[in-house]
Amino acid sequence: MKRILIAGLGNPGPEYALTRHNIGFIIVDRLAEQLRLSGWTKEKKSHSIRGEYRDNEVIIIKPRTYMNLSGEAVIAYLSHYRIPPGDFLAVVDDLALPFGKLRFRARGSDGGHNGLSSIIEKIGSQEFPRLRVGIDPTPEGTDTADYVLSSFTPEQIEELQNITEKAVKGILSFIESGIEDTMNCFNKSS
């Protein structure tokens, strides 16, 4: 049985729950529901939950380190469970994509994302899959940090369910079929 790590990035605490930067947490919460998993636990600087999907062991984490130190939690799981970076998926917000647009990537730079930067630094490689979820570019005259830590608009909150459902389908494809098949299928349709 292959072991897969899915890390939704965000910031812990109720004050961040529905902020743009926490779309990774929102998506992995829905993934856990879809897999009928319950009982999040605190370990290795994360909230974690585990289960099985299509003969794969799935470990889902939400780092408690805050976004800029996400790599500390991710490396703890990759090292402890000996998971190769190719069997790890980071789920992150992306300012370069329109709201709700999904982009799976097999590798790449941090693109200015501090969570990805922390992971790249800790694992010493850019060679890991990620799902980038569009949150729209920072509006002109707005500080980027303020923007990503602000709440979604009421209209965006209404759309979140459809976006999270598409993202979860993509993540399940990644678990079952790997990043290349998932990119071929989901990057064209999202």
Protein backbone atom coordinates (compact mmCIF):
# COMPACT_ATOMS: atom_id res chain seq x y z
CA MET A 1 0.00 0.00 0.00
CA LYS A 2 1.40 3.37 -1.03
CA ARG A 3 1.39 6.21 1.52
CA ILE A 4 0.29 9.65 0.26
CA LEU A 5 0.62 12.97 2.14
CA ILE A 6 -1.81 15.80 1.38
CA ALA A 7 -1.03 19.13 3.07
CA GLY A 8 -3.56 21.94 2.95
CA LEU A 9 -1.75 25.17 3.78
CA GLY A 10 -3.24 27.95 5.86
CA ASN A 11 -3.15 29.63 9.24
CA PRO A 12 -4.60 28.06 12.39
CA GLY A 13 -7.26 29.83 14.43
CA PRO A 14 -10.89 30.84 13.93
CA GLU A 15 -9.94 34.38 12.89
CA TYR A 16 -8.41 32.95 9.68
CA ALA A 17 -11.07 30.34 8.91
CA LEU A 18 -12.65 31.93 5.83
CA THR A 19 -9.70 33.95 4.58
CA ARG A 20 -8.22 33.61 1.12
CA HIS A 21 -4.91 32.28 2.49
CA ASN A 22 -6.79 29.38 4.11
CA ILE A 23 -8.29 27.84 1.00
CA GLY A 24 -5.88 24.91 1.47
CA PHE A 25 -7.41 24.18 4.89
CA ILE A 26 -10.93 24.52 3.47
CA ILE A 27 -10.20 22.03 0.68
CA VAL A 28 -8.55 19.38 2.86
CA ASP A 29 -11.41 19.65 5.37
CA ARG A 30 -13.75 18.78 2.52
CA LEU A 31 -11.42 15.98 1.38
CA ALA A 32 -11.58 14.44 4.87
CA GLU A 33 -15.40 14.67 4.79
CA GLN A 34 -15.50 13.05 1.36
CA LEU A 35 -13.34 10.18 2.62
CA ARG A 36 -15.60 9.94 5.70
CA LEU A 37 -12.70 10.56 8.05
CA SER A 38 -13.15 12.01 11.50
CA GLY A 39 -11.03 12.65 14.55
CA TRP A 40 -8.36 15.19 13.62
CA THR A 41 -5.41 14.87 16.02
CA LYS A 42 -2.52 17.18 16.90
CA GLU A 43 0.91 15.80 16.10
CA LYS A 44 4.11 16.86 14.39
CA LYS A 45 3.13 20.57 14.30
CA SER A 46 -0.12 19.77 12.47
CA HIS A 47 -3.69 18.73 12.75
CA SER A 48 -3.76 15.37 10.99
CA ILE A 49 -6.17 12.67 9.97
CA ARG A 50 -5.60 9.46 8.06
CA GLY A 51 -7.51 6.87 6.14
CA GLU A 52 -7.49 4.85 2.94
CA TYR A 53 -8.53 5.50 -0.64
CA ARG A 54 -8.19 3.00 -3.50
CA ASP A 55 -5.55 0.90 -1.75
CA ASN A 56 -3.52 3.93 -0.70
CA GLU A 57 -2.93 5.14 2.84
CA VAL A 58 -3.79 8.84 2.90
CA ILE A 59 -2.44 11.23 5.52
CA ILE A 60 -4.02 14.70 5.47
CA ILE A 61 -2.42 17.53 7.41
CA LYS A 62 -3.13 21.16 8.23
CA PRO A 63 0.11 22.64 9.58
CA ARG A 64 -0.27 24.57 12.86
CA THR A 65 2.96 26.49 12.18
CA TYR A 66 1.30 29.36 10.30
CA MET A 67 1.80 29.70 6.57
CA ASN A 68 5.38 30.97 6.54
CA LEU A 69 6.68 27.90 8.42
CA SER A 70 4.61 25.22 6.68
CA GLY A 71 7.75 23.35 5.67
CA GLU A 72 8.46 22.41 9.30
CA ALA A 73 5.25 20.37 9.49
CA VAL A 74 5.59 18.90 6.00
CA ILE A 75 9.18 17.70 6.50
CA ALA A 76 8.22 16.10 9.82
CA TYR A 77 5.68 13.87 8.02
CA LEU A 78 7.77 13.18 4.94
CA SER A 79 10.72 12.14 7.12
CA HIS A 80 8.83 10.17 9.76
CA TYR A 81 6.74 8.19 7.27
CA ARG A 82 9.46 8.04 4.58
CA ILE A 83 7.16 9.51 1.95
CA PRO A 84 8.94 10.53 -1.27
CA PRO A 85 8.20 14.08 -2.44
CA GLY A 86 6.37 12.71 -5.52
CA ASP A 87 3.75 11.18 -3.19
CA PHE A 88 3.12 14.52 -1.46
CA LEU A 89 0.67 17.21 -2.62
CA ALA A 90 0.58 20.77 -1.27
CA VAL A 91 -2.74 22.61 -1.62
CA VAL A 92 -2.22 26.39 -1.69
CA ASP A 93 -3.82 29.69 -2.62
CA ASP A 94 -2.53 31.49 -5.73
CA LEU A 95 -2.70 35.24 -6.38
CA ALA A 96 -1.75 34.79 -10.04
CA LEU A 97 -4.90 32.80 -10.89
CA PRO A 98 -8.49 34.00 -11.18
CA PHE A 99 -10.73 33.09 -8.26
CA GLY A 100 -11.56 29.39 -8.29
CA LYS A 101 -9.18 28.41 -11.09
CA LEU A 102 -7.34 25.16 -10.29
CA ARG A 103 -3.82 24.35 -11.48
CA PHE A 104 -2.04 21.11 -10.67
CA ARG A 105 1.74 21.23 -11.10
CA ALA A 106 4.33 18.47 -10.77
CA ARG A 107 7.06 20.86 -9.62
CA GLY A 108 8.09 24.48 -9.75
CA SER A 109 9.23 27.55 -7.89
CA ASP A 110 7.42 29.04 -4.94
CA GLY A 111 5.89 31.72 -7.17
CA GLY A 112 6.20 34.18 -4.29
CA HIS A 113 4.15 31.96 -1.95
CA ASN A 114 5.73 31.86 1.51
CA GLY A 115 4.22 28.46 2.38
CA LEU A 116 5.70 26.86 -0.73
CA SER A 117 8.98 28.67 -0.10
CA SER A 118 9.15 27.14 3.38
CA ILE A 119 8.46 23.64 2.02
CA ILE A 120 11.08 24.01 -0.73
CA GLU A 121 13.62 25.17 1.85
CA LYS A 122 12.92 22.32 4.27
CA ILE A 123 12.83 19.46 1.76
CA GLY A 124 15.62 20.96 -0.34
CA SER A 125 13.76 20.59 -3.63
CA GLN A 126 11.10 22.11 -5.87
CA GLU A 127 10.27 18.61 -7.13
CA PHE A 128 6.93 18.00 -5.44
CA PRO A 129 3.35 18.25 -6.73
CA ARG A 130 1.09 21.09 -5.75
CA LEU A 131 -2.46 22.25 -6.38
CA ARG A 132 -2.69 26.00 -6.80
CA VAL A 133 -6.15 27.47 -6.23
CA GLY A 134 -6.86 30.94 -7.62
CA ILE A 135 -7.88 33.68 -5.21
CA ASP A 136 -7.58 36.60 -7.71
CA PRO A 137 -4.70 39.06 -7.88
CA THR A 138 -4.27 41.63 -5.12
CA PRO A 139 -6.43 44.67 -5.96
CA GLU A 140 -4.49 47.80 -6.86
CA GLY A 141 -3.64 49.90 -3.82
CA THR A 142 -4.10 46.97 -1.41
CA ASP A 143 -1.32 45.39 0.63
CA THR A 144 -0.84 41.76 -0.42
CA ALA A 145 -0.60 40.48 3.18
CA ASP A 146 -3.83 42.28 4.07
CA TYR A 147 -5.53 40.89 0.98
CA VAL A 148 -4.64 37.22 1.49
CA LEU A 149 -5.66 37.47 5.16
CA SER A 150 -9.01 39.06 4.30
CA SER A 151 -12.27 37.14 4.07
CA PHE A 152 -13.83 35.97 0.84
CA THR A 153 -16.66 38.11 -0.49
CA PRO A 154 -20.21 36.79 0.06
CA GLU A 155 -20.35 35.90 -3.66
CA GLN A 156 -17.08 33.97 -3.42
CA ILE A 157 -18.28 32.11 -0.32
CA GLU A 158 -21.27 30.91 -2.36
CA GLU A 159 -18.87 29.58 -5.03
CA LEU A 160 -16.54 27.87 -2.54
CA GLN A 161 -18.54 24.65 -2.43
CA ASN A 162 -18.21 24.08 -6.18
CA ILE A 163 -14.51 24.99 -6.11
CA THR A 164 -13.77 22.67 -3.19
CA GLU A 165 -15.70 19.81 -4.85
CA LYS A 166 -13.63 20.18 -8.04
CA ALA A 167 -10.42 20.39 -6.02
CA VAL A 168 -11.32 17.26 -4.03
CA LYS A 169 -12.00 15.34 -7.26
CA GLY A 170 -8.57 16.40 -8.48
CA ILE A 171 -6.88 15.36 -5.25
CA LEU A 172 -8.58 11.95 -5.37
CA SER A 173 -7.30 11.60 -8.94
CA PHE A 174 -3.79 12.46 -7.72
CA ILE A 175 -4.03 9.81 -4.99
CA GLU A 176 -5.23 7.16 -7.43
CA SER A 177 -3.44 8.04 -10.67
CA GLY A 178 -0.56 10.42 -9.90
CA ILE A 179 0.21 13.99 -10.88
CA GLU A 180 0.68 13.58 -14.65
CA ASP A 181 -2.77 12.06 -15.28
CA THR A 182 -4.32 14.56 -12.90
CA MET A 183 -2.72 17.52 -14.69
CA ASN A 184 -3.85 16.18 -18.07
CA CYS A 185 -7.42 15.81 -16.86
CA PHE A 186 -7.98 18.72 -14.49
CA ASN A 187 -5.85 21.55 -15.87
CA LYS A 188 -7.82 21.47 -19.11
CA SER A 189 -11.23 21.44 -17.48
CA SER A 190 -10.86 23.88 -14.59
